[in-house]
Protein backbone atom coordinates (compact mmCIF):
# COMPACT_ATOMS: atom_id res chain seq x y z
CA MET A 1 158.64 -114.72 -21.54
CA ILE A 2 155.19 -116.08 -20.63
CA PHE A 3 156.74 -119.55 -20.24
CA THR A 4 159.45 -118.12 -17.96
CA ILE A 5 156.95 -116.24 -15.80
CA PHE A 6 154.63 -119.26 -15.55
CA PHE A 7 157.31 -121.65 -14.30
CA GLY A 8 158.85 -118.97 -12.09
CA VAL A 9 155.54 -118.33 -10.33
CA LEU A 10 154.80 -122.07 -10.19
CA GLY A 11 158.17 -122.76 -8.55
CA LEU A 12 157.74 -120.10 -5.88
CA GLY A 13 154.20 -121.33 -5.27
CA ILE A 14 155.37 -124.90 -4.72
CA MET A 15 158.02 -123.82 -2.19
CA ILE A 16 155.61 -121.63 -0.22
CA PHE A 17 152.92 -124.33 -0.23
CA VAL A 18 155.37 -126.97 1.03
CA HIS A 19 156.47 -124.57 3.77
CA GLU A 20 152.91 -123.92 4.95
CA LEU A 21 152.08 -127.62 4.71
CA GLY A 22 154.89 -128.26 7.21
CA HIS A 23 153.33 -125.81 9.67
CA PHE A 24 149.90 -127.39 9.11
CA ILE A 25 150.98 -130.99 9.75
CA ALA A 26 152.97 -130.04 12.86
CA ALA A 27 150.10 -127.99 14.30
CA LYS A 28 147.71 -130.91 13.86
CA LYS A 29 150.17 -133.32 15.47
CA VAL A 30 150.77 -131.22 18.60
CA GLY A 31 147.11 -130.35 19.14
CA ILE A 32 147.02 -126.77 17.86
CA GLY A 33 143.87 -126.03 15.89
CA VAL A 34 144.06 -124.91 12.27
CA GLU A 35 141.15 -122.75 11.16
CA VAL A 36 142.08 -122.33 7.47
CA PHE A 37 144.47 -124.19 5.19
CA SER A 38 144.52 -122.60 1.75
CA LEU A 39 146.13 -123.51 -1.55
CA GLY A 40 146.68 -120.05 -2.98
CA TRP A 41 145.99 -116.56 -1.61
CA GLY A 42 143.08 -114.17 -1.70
CA ARG A 43 139.38 -114.91 -1.60
CA LYS A 44 138.15 -118.49 -1.47
CA MET A 45 137.20 -119.98 -4.81
CA ILE A 46 136.07 -123.42 -3.66
CA GLY A 47 136.53 -125.42 -0.49
CA PHE A 48 135.14 -127.71 2.16
CA SER A 49 135.29 -128.06 5.93
CA ARG A 50 136.35 -131.04 7.97
CA GLY A 51 136.28 -130.70 11.72
CA GLU A 52 137.41 -127.22 12.72
CA THR A 53 139.50 -126.69 9.58
CA SER A 54 138.35 -125.08 6.35
CA TYR A 55 140.29 -126.39 3.34
CA GLN A 56 140.11 -124.08 0.36
CA LEU A 57 141.43 -123.20 -3.06
CA SER A 58 141.90 -119.44 -3.39
CA TRP A 59 141.89 -117.23 -6.46
CA VAL A 60 145.58 -116.24 -6.47
CA PRO A 61 147.40 -119.53 -7.25
CA ILE A 62 150.69 -118.70 -5.53
CA GLY A 63 151.74 -120.74 -2.51
CA GLY A 64 149.23 -120.87 0.31
CA TYR A 65 148.77 -120.14 3.99
CA CYS A 66 147.91 -121.83 7.26
CA LYS A 67 145.83 -119.86 9.80
CA MET A 68 146.02 -121.33 13.28
CA LYS A 69 143.51 -120.94 16.05
CA GLY A 70 144.24 -117.98 18.30
CA ASP A 71 147.32 -116.72 16.44
CA ASP A 72 145.71 -113.30 15.99
CA ILE A 73 144.80 -112.39 19.60
CA PHE A 74 147.40 -109.63 19.73
CA ASP A 75 145.19 -107.14 21.58
CA ASN A 76 145.41 -109.19 24.76
CA GLU A 77 148.01 -108.61 27.44
CA GLU A 78 147.50 -112.13 28.77
CA VAL A 79 147.25 -115.41 26.90
CA ILE A 80 143.70 -116.71 26.59
CA HIS A 81 143.89 -120.42 27.35
CA ARG A 82 141.42 -121.74 24.81
CA LYS A 83 141.78 -125.39 23.88
CA GLY A 84 143.78 -125.72 20.69
CA SER A 85 144.83 -122.07 20.67
CA PHE A 86 148.31 -121.33 19.33
CA PHE A 87 149.47 -119.12 22.20
CA ALA A 88 147.89 -121.39 24.81
CA ALA A 89 150.15 -124.23 23.65
CA SER A 90 153.46 -124.78 25.42
CA PRO A 91 156.50 -122.94 24.02
CA LEU A 92 158.03 -126.26 22.99
CA ARG A 93 154.99 -127.13 20.88
CA ARG A 94 155.04 -123.70 19.27
CA ILE A 95 158.74 -124.18 18.49
CA ILE A 96 157.92 -127.50 16.81
CA VAL A 97 155.26 -125.80 14.66
CA ALA A 98 157.53 -122.87 13.75
CA PHE A 99 160.46 -125.15 12.88
CA SER A 100 158.34 -127.52 10.80
CA GLY A 101 157.84 -125.00 7.98
CA PRO A 102 161.55 -124.69 7.15
CA LEU A 103 162.00 -128.40 7.88
CA ALA A 104 159.37 -129.20 5.23
CA ASN A 105 161.41 -127.25 2.67
CA MET A 106 164.53 -129.21 3.60
CA LEU A 107 162.70 -132.56 3.42
CA PHE A 108 161.22 -131.52 0.07
CA ALA A 109 164.76 -131.01 -1.27
CA LEU A 110 165.92 -134.36 0.13
CA ILE A 111 162.94 -136.30 -1.28
CA ILE A 112 163.03 -134.69 -4.73
CA LEU A 113 166.81 -135.10 -5.08
CA THR A 114 166.51 -138.75 -4.02
CA ILE A 115 163.86 -139.33 -6.69
CA ILE A 116 165.96 -137.57 -9.33
CA TRP A 117 169.03 -139.70 -8.51
CA TRP A 118 166.91 -142.86 -8.50
CA ILE A 119 165.25 -142.33 -11.89
CA GLY A 120 168.47 -140.94 -13.38
CA PHE A 121 169.21 -137.69 -15.15
CA LYS A 122 171.51 -136.03 -17.64
CA ILE A 123 173.57 -132.89 -17.19
CA TYR A 124 174.43 -130.78 -20.21
CA SER A 125 177.64 -128.95 -19.42
CA ASP A 126 180.92 -127.79 -20.89
CA GLU A 127 183.94 -129.97 -20.27
CA ASN A 128 186.72 -129.26 -17.80
CA ARG A 129 188.86 -127.48 -20.41
CA ILE A 130 189.43 -123.78 -19.76
CA ILE A 131 190.07 -120.48 -21.52
CA LEU A 132 192.13 -117.87 -19.70
CA ALA A 133 190.12 -114.66 -19.26
CA ASP A 134 193.28 -112.55 -19.49
CA ASP A 135 193.80 -113.75 -23.07
CA TYR A 136 190.49 -112.25 -24.18
CA ASN A 137 189.64 -109.34 -21.89
CA ASN A 138 191.61 -106.45 -23.33
CA GLU A 139 190.61 -104.14 -20.49
CA ILE A 140 192.40 -106.36 -17.97
CA SER A 141 196.18 -106.26 -17.75
CA ALA A 142 197.81 -109.63 -18.42
CA GLY A 143 198.45 -111.63 -15.29
CA ILE A 144 196.11 -109.75 -12.97
CA LEU A 145 193.63 -112.60 -12.38
CA PRO A 146 194.48 -115.62 -10.18
CA ALA A 147 194.50 -118.15 -13.05
CA ALA A 148 197.11 -116.21 -14.98
CA LYS A 149 199.14 -115.54 -11.83
CA ALA A 150 199.17 -119.25 -11.02
CA GLY A 151 200.42 -120.19 -14.49
CA LEU A 152 197.30 -121.68 -16.07
CA ILE A 153 197.00 -121.32 -19.84
CA THR A 154 194.18 -121.55 -22.36
CA GLY A 155 193.52 -125.17 -23.29
CA ASP A 156 194.40 -126.65 -19.89
CA ARG A 157 192.11 -129.31 -18.46
CA ILE A 158 191.38 -129.12 -14.73
CA ILE A 159 190.77 -132.74 -13.69
CA GLY A 160 190.90 -132.28 -9.91
CA ILE A 161 190.61 -129.66 -7.18
CA ASN A 162 192.01 -130.73 -3.81
CA ASP A 163 190.45 -134.18 -3.29
CA ASN A 164 187.55 -133.60 -5.69
CA ARG A 165 187.42 -135.19 -9.13
CA ILE A 166 186.50 -132.67 -11.83
CA GLU A 167 184.66 -133.80 -14.96
CA LYS A 168 182.85 -130.67 -16.11
CA PHE A 169 183.21 -126.91 -15.95
CA GLN A 170 180.25 -126.69 -13.58
CA ASP A 171 182.29 -128.62 -10.99
CA ILE A 172 185.01 -125.97 -11.21
CA LEU A 173 182.53 -123.13 -10.69
CA GLU A 174 180.90 -124.79 -7.67
CA ILE A 175 184.19 -125.10 -5.79
CA VAL A 176 185.81 -121.83 -6.86
CA SER A 177 182.71 -119.71 -6.21
CA THR A 178 182.63 -120.71 -2.52
CA SER A 179 186.39 -120.56 -1.90
CA PRO A 180 187.52 -116.91 -2.11
CA GLY A 181 190.77 -116.43 -0.22
CA LYS A 182 191.26 -120.18 0.24
CA GLU A 183 194.19 -121.96 -1.40
CA LEU A 184 193.18 -124.69 -3.84
CA ILE A 185 195.39 -127.32 -5.43
CA LEU A 186 194.47 -127.92 -9.07
CA SER A 187 195.35 -131.10 -10.94
CA VAL A 188 195.89 -129.95 -14.52
CA GLN A 189 196.42 -131.85 -17.77
CA ARG A 190 198.54 -129.98 -20.31
CA GLU A 191 199.73 -131.61 -23.54
CA GLY A 192 200.11 -135.04 -21.97
CA SER A 193 201.66 -133.80 -18.72
CA LEU A 194 200.04 -133.69 -15.28
CA LEU A 195 200.68 -130.55 -13.22
CA ASN A 196 199.76 -129.53 -9.68
CA ILE A 197 199.06 -125.81 -9.49
CA ARG A 198 198.23 -123.83 -6.35
CA ILE A 199 195.72 -121.02 -6.73
CA VAL A 200 193.79 -118.66 -4.44
CA PRO A 201 190.42 -117.47 -5.82
CA GLU A 202 189.67 -113.81 -5.26
CA LEU A 203 186.34 -112.39 -4.12
CA ASP A 204 184.24 -110.82 -6.85
CA LEU A 205 182.66 -107.85 -5.10
CA GLN A 206 179.93 -107.64 -7.74
CA THR A 207 178.61 -111.17 -7.30
CA GLY A 208 179.87 -112.20 -3.86
CA ALA A 209 181.46 -115.34 -5.34
CA GLY A 210 185.04 -116.47 -5.73
CA LYS A 211 186.66 -116.28 -9.16
CA ILE A 212 189.96 -117.24 -10.77
CA GLY A 213 189.49 -115.79 -14.24
CA VAL A 214 188.63 -118.69 -16.54
CA TYR A 215 185.90 -119.40 -19.07
CA ALA A 216 184.60 -122.71 -20.34
CA TRP A 217 186.13 -124.00 -23.58
CA ARG A 218 183.41 -124.95 -26.05
CA ASP A 219 184.31 -126.33 -29.47
CA LEU A 220 182.60 -124.76 -32.48
CA VAL A 221 180.66 -127.90 -33.40
CA ILE A 222 177.07 -127.03 -34.25
CA GLY A 223 174.51 -128.76 -32.06
CA GLN A 224 171.21 -127.21 -33.08
CA LEU A 225 169.95 -124.75 -35.70
CA ASP A 226 166.98 -122.40 -35.51
CA PRO A 227 164.73 -123.11 -38.51
CA GLY A 228 164.88 -120.07 -40.75
CA GLY A 229 167.83 -118.62 -38.81
CA ALA A 230 170.99 -117.15 -40.34
CA ALA A 231 173.06 -120.35 -40.03
CA PHE A 232 170.22 -122.48 -41.44
CA LEU A 233 169.83 -120.18 -44.46
CA ALA A 234 173.61 -120.28 -45.01
CA GLY A 235 173.44 -124.06 -45.42
CA LEU A 236 175.11 -125.07 -42.16
CA LYS A 237 174.02 -128.32 -40.50
CA PRO A 238 174.30 -129.93 -37.04
CA GLY A 239 177.72 -131.59 -36.70
CA ASP A 240 179.53 -129.02 -38.83
CA ARG A 241 182.71 -127.64 -37.20
CA ILE A 242 183.46 -123.96 -37.81
CA THR A 243 187.21 -123.52 -38.31
CA ALA A 244 187.59 -119.93 -39.57
CA LEU A 245 185.69 -116.65 -39.86
CA ASN A 246 186.70 -114.14 -42.53
CA GLY A 247 189.93 -116.06 -43.04
CA LYS A 248 190.93 -116.04 -39.35
CA GLU A 249 191.16 -119.37 -37.54
CA VAL A 250 188.81 -119.90 -34.59
CA GLY A 251 188.97 -122.74 -32.07
CA HIS A 252 186.23 -122.06 -29.55
CA THR A 253 183.27 -119.84 -28.80
CA LEU A 254 185.28 -116.91 -27.42
CA ASP A 255 187.20 -116.75 -30.71
CA LEU A 256 183.86 -116.52 -32.48
CA TYR A 257 182.55 -113.78 -30.17
CA GLN A 258 185.71 -111.76 -30.75
CA ALA A 259 185.30 -112.08 -34.51
CA LEU A 260 181.78 -110.67 -34.14
CA ALA A 261 182.83 -107.83 -31.82
CA GLY A 262 182.92 -105.33 -34.69
CA ASN A 263 179.25 -106.00 -35.51
CA PRO A 264 179.82 -107.18 -39.10
CA GLN A 265 176.74 -107.45 -41.31
CA ALA A 266 178.04 -110.60 -42.99
CA ILE A 267 180.86 -113.09 -42.40
CA THR A 268 182.55 -115.76 -44.45
CA VAL A 269 182.43 -119.07 -42.61
CA ILE A 270 184.85 -121.92 -43.30
CA TYR A 271 183.68 -125.18 -41.80
CA GLN A 272 184.41 -128.89 -41.77
CA ARG A 273 181.70 -131.38 -42.73
CA GLY A 274 183.06 -134.89 -42.42
CA ALA A 275 186.28 -134.95 -44.45
CA GLN A 276 185.25 -131.95 -46.55
CA LYS A 277 186.18 -128.33 -45.96
CA ARG A 278 183.48 -125.92 -47.10
CA GLU A 279 182.81 -122.21 -47.22
CA THR A 280 179.62 -120.14 -46.98
CA ASP A 281 178.55 -116.55 -46.40
CA LEU A 282 176.36 -115.86 -43.38
CA VAL A 283 174.25 -112.73 -42.84
CA VAL A 284 174.44 -111.68 -39.18
CA SER A 285 171.37 -110.35 -37.38
CA TYR A 286 171.48 -108.59 -34.02
CA GLN A 287 169.21 -108.67 -30.99
CA GLU A 288 167.92 -105.59 -29.16
CA ASN A 289 170.78 -105.77 -26.66
CA GLY A 290 173.32 -105.68 -29.51
CA SER A 291 174.43 -109.32 -29.34
CA ALA A 292 174.81 -111.25 -32.59
CA ASP A 293 172.20 -113.88 -33.43
CA LEU A 294 173.54 -116.59 -35.72
CA GLY A 295 170.57 -118.88 -35.18
CA LEU A 296 172.60 -121.77 -33.82
CA SER A 297 173.92 -123.35 -30.64
CA PHE A 298 177.07 -125.38 -30.14
CA LYS A 299 177.32 -128.87 -28.73
CA VAL A 300 177.93 -129.43 -25.05
CA LYS A 301 178.88 -132.72 -23.45
CA VAL A 302 176.20 -134.91 -21.90
CA PHE A 303 176.98 -136.38 -18.47
CA SER A 304 174.68 -139.20 -17.31
CA SER A 305 174.04 -140.14 -13.70
CA PRO A 306 174.86 -143.73 -12.67
CA ASP A 307 172.14 -146.39 -12.49
CA ILE A 308 171.69 -146.87 -8.72
CA SER A 309 169.27 -148.43 -6.22
CA LEU A 310 166.81 -146.48 -4.09
CA PRO A 311 168.96 -146.70 -0.89
CA ALA A 312 171.98 -145.48 -2.86
CA ALA A 313 169.84 -142.70 -4.35
CA LEU A 314 168.81 -141.67 -0.83
CA LEU A 315 172.47 -141.36 0.14
CA LYS A 316 173.18 -139.34 -3.01
CA GLY A 317 170.18 -137.10 -2.34
CA ALA A 318 171.24 -136.58 1.28
CA ALA A 319 174.82 -135.79 0.23
CA GLU A 320 173.65 -133.24 -2.35
CA THR A 321 171.26 -131.66 0.15
CA TYR A 322 174.04 -131.41 2.74
CA ARG A 323 176.45 -129.97 0.18
CA THR A 324 173.86 -127.40 -0.91
CA LEU A 325 173.29 -126.48 2.73
CA GLY A 326 177.00 -125.89 3.22
CA LEU A 327 177.28 -123.84 0.03
CA THR A 328 174.30 -121.73 1.11
CA ILE A 329 175.83 -120.96 4.50
CA LYS A 330 179.14 -120.07 2.83
CA GLY A 331 177.30 -117.82 0.40
CA ILE A 332 175.52 -115.98 3.20
CA THR A 333 178.79 -115.36 5.05
CA LEU A 334 180.29 -113.90 1.86
CA LEU A 335 177.57 -111.24 1.85
CA PHE A 336 179.35 -109.66 4.82
CA SER A 337 182.66 -109.40 2.96
CA GLY A 338 182.05 -106.02 1.35
CA VAL A 339 180.25 -107.29 -1.76
CA ASN A 340 177.81 -105.24 -3.81
CA LEU A 341 174.46 -106.39 -2.40
CA GLN A 342 172.61 -104.80 -5.31
CA ASN A 343 174.15 -107.35 -7.68
CA ALA A 344 174.89 -110.23 -5.33
CA VAL A 345 171.39 -110.64 -3.83
CA ALA A 346 168.31 -111.33 -5.95
CA GLY A 347 164.85 -110.18 -4.96
CA PRO A 348 161.51 -111.92 -5.62
CA LEU A 349 161.25 -110.77 -9.24
CA ARG A 350 164.72 -111.96 -10.17
CA ILE A 351 164.28 -115.28 -8.33
CA THR A 352 161.05 -115.87 -10.27
CA TYR A 353 162.90 -115.04 -13.48
CA TYR A 354 165.78 -117.40 -12.64
CA VAL A 355 163.43 -120.31 -11.84
CA GLY A 356 161.60 -119.80 -15.12
CA SER A 357 164.82 -119.38 -17.10
CA VAL A 358 166.29 -122.60 -15.73
CA ALA A 359 163.08 -124.45 -16.64
CA ARG A 360 163.00 -122.92 -20.12
CA SER A 361 166.63 -123.87 -20.83
CA GLY A 362 166.01 -127.40 -19.61
CA PHE A 363 162.84 -127.93 -21.65
CA ARG A 364 164.70 -126.95 -24.81
CA LEU A 365 166.63 -130.21 -24.36
CA GLY A 366 163.50 -132.29 -23.71
CA ILE A 367 160.68 -132.73 -21.21
CA GLY A 368 162.78 -134.91 -18.89
CA SER A 369 165.67 -132.45 -18.82
CA GLY A 370 163.26 -129.58 -18.25
CA LEU A 371 161.60 -131.22 -15.26
CA VAL A 372 164.94 -132.24 -13.73
CA SER A 373 166.37 -128.72 -14.18
CA PHE A 374 163.23 -127.14 -12.74
CA PHE A 375 163.02 -129.33 -9.65
CA ARG A 376 166.77 -129.36 -8.93
CA PHE A 377 166.72 -125.57 -8.90
CA LEU A 378 163.69 -125.66 -6.59
CA CYS A 379 165.65 -127.95 -4.27
CA LEU A 380 168.45 -125.38 -4.16
CA LEU A 381 166.01 -122.59 -3.36
CA SER A 382 164.25 -124.77 -0.77
CA VAL A 383 167.52 -125.21 1.13
CA VAL A 384 168.10 -121.45 0.93
CA LEU A 385 164.56 -120.91 2.25
CA PHE A 386 165.31 -123.32 5.13
CA ILE A 387 168.32 -121.25 6.19
CA MET A 388 166.77 -117.82 5.66
CA ASN A 389 163.60 -118.66 7.58
CA LEU A 390 165.61 -119.82 10.59
CA LEU A 391 167.45 -116.51 10.93
CA PRO A 392 166.55 -115.08 14.37
CA LEU A 393 164.70 -112.08 12.95
CA PRO A 394 161.19 -110.97 13.96
CA ALA A 395 158.49 -112.05 11.47
CA LEU A 396 160.55 -115.08 10.41
CA ASP A 397 160.20 -118.56 11.87
CA GLY A 398 163.63 -118.19 13.46
CA GLY A 399 162.47 -115.05 15.24
CA GLN A 400 159.44 -116.86 16.65
CA ILE A 401 161.60 -119.76 17.80
CA LEU A 402 163.87 -117.28 19.61
CA ILE A 403 160.88 -115.71 21.39
CA PHE A 404 159.56 -119.10 22.46
CA LEU A 405 163.02 -120.13 23.70
CA ILE A 406 163.08 -116.98 25.84
CA GLU A 407 159.74 -118.04 27.31
CA ILE A 408 161.22 -121.42 28.23
CA ILE A 409 164.22 -119.77 29.88
CA ARG A 410 162.06 -117.20 31.75
CA ARG A 411 159.44 -119.85 32.58
CA LYS A 412 156.87 -117.20 31.84
CA ALA A 413 154.78 -116.49 28.77
CA ILE A 414 155.38 -113.32 26.78
CA SER A 415 152.10 -111.52 26.17
CA PRO A 416 150.70 -111.63 22.62
CA THR A 417 150.72 -107.81 22.58
CA ILE A 418 154.50 -107.70 23.04
CA ILE A 419 154.96 -110.43 20.43
CA TYR A 420 152.76 -108.40 18.08
CA ARG A 421 154.89 -105.28 18.56
CA ILE A 422 158.07 -107.26 17.94
CA GLN A 423 156.60 -108.75 14.79
CA ILE A 424 155.45 -105.36 13.53
CA VAL A 425 159.07 -104.18 13.72
CA GLY A 426 160.19 -107.34 11.98
CA PHE A 427 157.58 -107.06 9.24
CA SER A 428 158.52 -103.42 8.70
CA ILE A 429 162.18 -104.34 8.25
CA LEU A 430 161.21 -107.24 6.00
CA ILE A 431 158.99 -105.04 3.82
CA VAL A 432 161.76 -102.46 3.45
CA LEU A 433 164.21 -105.20 2.40
CA VAL A 434 161.72 -106.70 -0.06
CA LEU A 435 161.05 -103.28 -1.59
CA PHE A 436 164.80 -102.57 -1.79
CA PHE A 437 165.62 -105.82 -3.57
CA THR A 438 162.52 -105.57 -5.77
CA PHE A 439 163.68 -102.12 -6.87
CA ASN A 440 167.12 -103.60 -7.57
CA ASP A 441 165.43 -106.34 -9.59
CA ILE A 442 163.66 -103.71 -11.69
CA LEU A 443 166.98 -101.95 -12.33
CA PHE A 444 168.50 -105.34 -13.22
CA PHE A 445 165.82 -106.02 -15.85
CA MET A 446 166.02 -102.48 -17.23
CA GLY A 447 169.74 -102.99 -17.72
CA ARG A 448 169.37 -106.32 -19.50
């Protein structure tokens, strides 16, 4: 948990710092003075001054802030035209400064993704073979989910969706999750035959994403064992294939989970090791949430990125950034489709947890995989931050840009006092939303 919290806080800190760095660079370029540029929040720990700017490292190592000259003169009805003052600058220059924070987050995503594509990476994912949810969810009547309605069956391989080639289950999720209500054409391999199946994902009101009712097929081939865990003590080894539990054949992980649904204290495992079929008894332990802990994980397929040049990596990074931008906009529009916001939207605590969890899962596969997972997830969140900060709401960069655009149209400055009142309303709304989603995050963790 400490590892998760550390990387979660580190990730949020990096994104906030990059955002404030964008404001800082833009302000310097357009002639607006910066009084303080801080790495971290709170009281100054160490620092130095150069020109009119104090550069400091603060005690709370989360993000940072950029305090510009004259951005706090809200008790004045008229703008005080001091050289280098924020409100004395032209509206266009203030727009440039306000926009540069979100832009820095977007450029961060582009640069990091370009570097990742250039140095190469590996993705650990399930294959494109599916399990029909209706075959395993007893509480759902057969045929109610889109996959069953469309005629998909367990064991099918989805190799294409519309014009997109599908290699892994993650590819399926990315397209389906953003396509509720939109007809998709699936290219499906089934026992040597190629089928074209039309399907319309439905909107999951709990998550705000599209779904068709399929799970990933994962063979029961052991990948890793926990030293001292139940599977290790039972004599199982990496590479063993589990074929039966208590005399019942199992083919994939959902079969195994069903066999453990009755919370047995011990199970008889039949497994294949090379050409030999073996049998062992395994004592099952259970976690606090009631899930079985066998002390093992099953193999997933490794997908490697192609070896490409830096210009090609830049194109790949730009394409992924653009795709993430599109997915983010689609996701935001789905929030207005009657979804359960309590589940569909994460607050600051849950975002921190997700960043840390992604990093932790990646580092289990190696330092390189951990760093790639961590920074790719930060790129995703950076694009989300770009969009959210440009929403025309008071207290956000988009709200400031809107105010400054109004000044350009009116050809008259809006007094700092009025701007202050507008921002107070915006901050109040923002604080209420943060408290609401933080409370939801607490309920989420209590229910885990």
